[in-house]
Amino acid sequence: MYISAKADYAARALLTLAAAGGGPLKGDVLAREQGLPKKFLENTLIALRRAGVLETHRGSEGGYRLARPADQITIADIIRPLDGPLAEVRGEKPEETVYDGAAAHLRDVWVAVRAALRDVLENVTLADVVAGTLPPQVSELLDRPGAWVRRVPGEVPPPMAPRHVRHRAPARQR
């Protein structure tokens, strides 16, 4: 899955809003807090306002505000208005693809990929990320061997210890 700059910047800005109790915060504050280009961010936030994720208020006390509580806004709610469906195959819905012969069951793989994306992106809220308490099914994915290792074509990654083991500080020797 490719995560666009728009989606990444928007998620970071909305997480800043969530951490601030939902807002309001001005666009320049959101950009500065996350080191983002202000104009690009503000153009991105307009799409989220149109989608009902954000509200804007004018005036000296105005700015951007979450349209719903942070525990009711998922990462998928941010991605879809900016980048479209979570999974497409050549611009088609995965369930509408048709393959023949040896590829006849490839559609099942694409539908499963979409379901896996939904399992994460539709179940992780802004409040979860701010609190650092991801849903159990997401935490389990993070603990899988190799989850934190980028796969490079042609290379076989070495087996990895679960994340909670890898990040443990080595024992001091006496």
Protein backbone atom coordinates (compact mmCIF):
# COMPACT_ATOMS: atom_id res chain seq x y z
CA MET A 1 0.00 0.00 0.00
CA TYR A 2 1.26 3.43 -0.91
CA ILE A 3 0.52 6.13 1.68
CA SER A 4 0.51 9.53 -0.01
CA ALA A 5 2.03 12.68 1.44
CA LYS A 6 -1.50 14.10 1.63
CA ALA A 7 -2.70 11.22 3.81
CA ASP A 8 0.43 11.23 5.99
CA TYR A 9 0.35 15.01 6.52
CA ALA A 10 -3.38 15.01 7.19
CA ALA A 11 -3.10 12.19 9.73
CA ARG A 12 -0.29 14.02 11.53
CA ALA A 13 -2.26 17.27 11.61
CA LEU A 14 -5.41 15.54 12.88
CA LEU A 15 -3.39 13.72 15.54
CA THR A 16 -2.09 17.12 16.67
CA LEU A 17 -5.71 18.32 16.88
CA ALA A 18 -6.72 15.19 18.80
CA ALA A 19 -3.86 15.66 21.27
CA ALA A 20 -5.04 19.26 21.77
CA GLY A 21 -8.52 18.12 22.73
CA GLY A 22 -9.99 18.44 19.25
CA GLY A 23 -9.08 22.05 18.51
CA PRO A 24 -9.45 24.69 17.41
CA LEU A 25 -5.93 25.19 16.12
CA LYS A 26 -4.78 27.40 13.28
CA GLY A 27 -3.28 25.89 10.13
CA ASP A 28 0.12 27.44 10.78
CA VAL A 29 0.20 25.84 14.25
CA LEU A 30 -0.66 22.42 12.83
CA ALA A 31 2.00 22.79 10.15
CA ARG A 32 4.66 24.00 12.60
CA GLU A 33 3.92 21.27 15.17
CA GLN A 34 4.56 18.55 12.60
CA GLY A 35 7.11 20.31 10.36
CA LEU A 36 4.73 20.35 7.37
CA PRO A 37 4.41 22.80 4.48
CA LYS A 38 1.54 25.09 5.50
CA LYS A 39 -0.04 25.74 2.09
CA PHE A 40 0.02 22.07 1.09
CA LEU A 41 -1.46 21.08 4.46
CA GLU A 42 -4.24 23.66 4.30
CA ASN A 43 -5.25 22.51 0.81
CA THR A 44 -5.35 18.95 2.14
CA LEU A 45 -7.45 19.92 5.17
CA ILE A 46 -10.05 21.53 2.89
CA ALA A 47 -10.84 18.07 1.50
CA LEU A 48 -11.30 16.73 5.04
CA ARG A 49 -13.62 19.61 5.88
CA ARG A 50 -15.73 18.77 2.82
CA ALA A 51 -15.78 15.12 3.94
CA GLY A 52 -17.09 16.08 7.39
CA VAL A 53 -13.95 15.09 9.30
CA LEU A 54 -12.97 18.67 10.16
CA GLU A 55 -14.76 21.91 10.89
CA THR A 56 -13.35 25.40 10.53
CA HIS A 57 -14.11 28.47 12.61
CA ARG A 58 -13.14 32.00 11.66
CA GLY A 59 -11.83 34.70 13.92
CA SER A 60 -9.04 35.18 16.40
CA GLU A 61 -10.19 32.15 18.41
CA GLY A 62 -10.90 30.10 15.27
CA GLY A 63 -9.03 27.46 13.38
CA TYR A 64 -9.48 23.79 12.57
CA ARG A 65 -11.48 21.54 14.87
CA LEU A 66 -12.29 17.83 14.70
CA ALA A 67 -15.90 17.37 13.54
CA ARG A 68 -16.29 14.32 15.80
CA PRO A 69 -14.51 13.09 18.93
CA ALA A 70 -11.05 11.61 18.25
CA ASP A 71 -12.25 8.15 19.25
CA GLN A 72 -14.77 8.27 16.38
CA ILE A 73 -12.36 9.23 13.57
CA THR A 74 -10.42 6.36 12.01
CA ILE A 75 -7.34 6.48 9.85
CA ALA A 76 -9.54 5.22 6.98
CA ASP A 77 -11.76 8.31 7.47
CA ILE A 78 -8.69 10.40 6.65
CA ILE A 79 -7.34 8.38 3.72
CA ARG A 80 -10.53 7.84 1.69
CA PRO A 81 -11.45 11.52 1.07
CA LEU A 82 -7.87 12.27 0.05
CA ASP A 83 -6.81 9.20 -1.93
CA GLY A 84 -10.01 7.28 -2.69
CA PRO A 85 -10.71 3.62 -1.91
CA LEU A 86 -8.26 1.72 0.27
CA ALA A 87 -7.64 -0.94 -2.39
CA GLU A 88 -8.25 -0.93 -6.11
CA VAL A 89 -6.98 -3.07 -8.95
CA ARG A 90 -6.28 -0.99 -12.06
CA GLY A 91 -9.00 1.42 -10.92
CA GLU A 92 -11.59 -1.31 -10.36
CA LYS A 93 -13.13 -2.63 -7.17
CA PRO A 94 -11.30 -5.86 -6.25
CA GLU A 95 -14.54 -7.88 -6.26
CA GLU A 96 -15.28 -6.77 -9.84
CA THR A 97 -12.04 -8.09 -11.32
CA VAL A 98 -12.29 -11.19 -13.49
CA TYR A 99 -9.41 -13.52 -14.28
CA ASP A 100 -9.13 -16.74 -16.27
CA GLY A 101 -7.04 -19.86 -16.09
CA ALA A 102 -4.30 -20.02 -13.51
CA ALA A 103 -5.23 -16.51 -12.26
CA ALA A 104 -8.91 -17.38 -11.69
CA HIS A 105 -8.60 -17.02 -7.91
CA LEU A 106 -6.45 -13.89 -7.89
CA ARG A 107 -9.55 -11.81 -7.18
CA ASP A 108 -9.79 -13.58 -3.81
CA VAL A 109 -6.29 -12.34 -2.94
CA TRP A 110 -7.16 -8.73 -3.83
CA VAL A 111 -10.37 -8.85 -1.78
CA ALA A 112 -8.41 -10.31 1.16
CA VAL A 113 -5.84 -7.49 0.86
CA ARG A 114 -8.64 -4.94 1.06
CA ALA A 115 -10.12 -6.73 4.08
CA ALA A 116 -6.72 -6.71 5.82
CA LEU A 117 -6.31 -2.98 5.18
CA ARG A 118 -9.78 -2.37 6.55
CA ASP A 119 -8.95 -4.43 9.67
CA VAL A 120 -6.25 -1.92 10.50
CA LEU A 121 -7.37 1.39 9.03
CA GLU A 122 -11.05 1.17 10.00
CA ASN A 123 -10.27 0.09 13.55
CA VAL A 124 -7.50 2.50 14.54
CA THR A 125 -8.79 5.88 15.71
CA LEU A 126 -7.00 9.15 16.28
CA ALA A 127 -7.50 8.62 20.02
CA ASP A 128 -5.81 5.18 19.79
CA VAL A 129 -2.73 6.63 18.11
CA VAL A 130 -2.44 9.62 20.46
CA ALA A 131 -2.75 7.33 23.48
CA GLY A 132 -0.41 4.71 22.01
CA THR A 133 -3.00 2.01 22.67
CA LEU A 134 -3.67 0.30 19.37
CA PRO A 135 -6.39 -2.36 19.07
CA PRO A 136 -5.18 -5.90 19.88
CA GLN A 137 -5.37 -7.11 16.26
CA VAL A 138 -3.05 -4.26 15.21
CA SER A 139 -0.62 -4.85 18.08
CA GLU A 140 -0.47 -8.52 17.10
CA LEU A 141 0.54 -7.52 13.56
CA LEU A 142 3.33 -5.33 14.95
CA ASP A 143 4.68 -8.26 16.96
CA ARG A 144 4.93 -10.60 13.97
CA PRO A 145 8.45 -11.61 13.00
CA GLY A 146 9.63 -9.40 10.17
CA ALA A 147 6.88 -6.80 10.57
CA TRP A 148 9.44 -4.04 11.09
CA VAL A 149 11.72 -5.17 8.24
CA ARG A 150 11.41 -3.77 4.72
CA ARG A 151 11.39 -6.45 2.06
CA VAL A 152 13.67 -5.83 -0.90
CA PRO A 153 12.99 -7.74 -4.12
CA GLY A 154 15.36 -10.67 -4.46
CA GLU A 155 16.44 -10.71 -0.80
CA VAL A 156 15.21 -13.10 1.86
CA PRO A 157 14.98 -11.30 5.21
CA PRO A 158 16.48 -12.97 8.28
CA PRO A 159 14.02 -14.17 10.92
CA MET A 160 13.21 -11.40 13.36
CA ALA A 161 12.33 -11.54 17.03
CA PRO A 162 9.00 -9.97 18.00
CA ARG A 163 9.14 -6.18 18.41
CA HIS A 164 8.87 -6.27 22.20
CA VAL A 165 11.93 -8.52 22.34
CA ARG A 166 14.01 -6.63 19.74
CA HIS A 167 13.66 -3.28 21.45
CA ARG A 168 14.59 -4.51 24.90
CA ALA A 169 17.88 -3.08 26.10
CA PRO A 170 20.67 -5.65 26.39
CA ALA A 171 21.46 -6.88 29.87
CA ARG A 172 24.42 -5.18 31.54
CA GLN A 173 27.41 -7.40 32.08
CA ARG A 174 29.30 -7.23 35.33
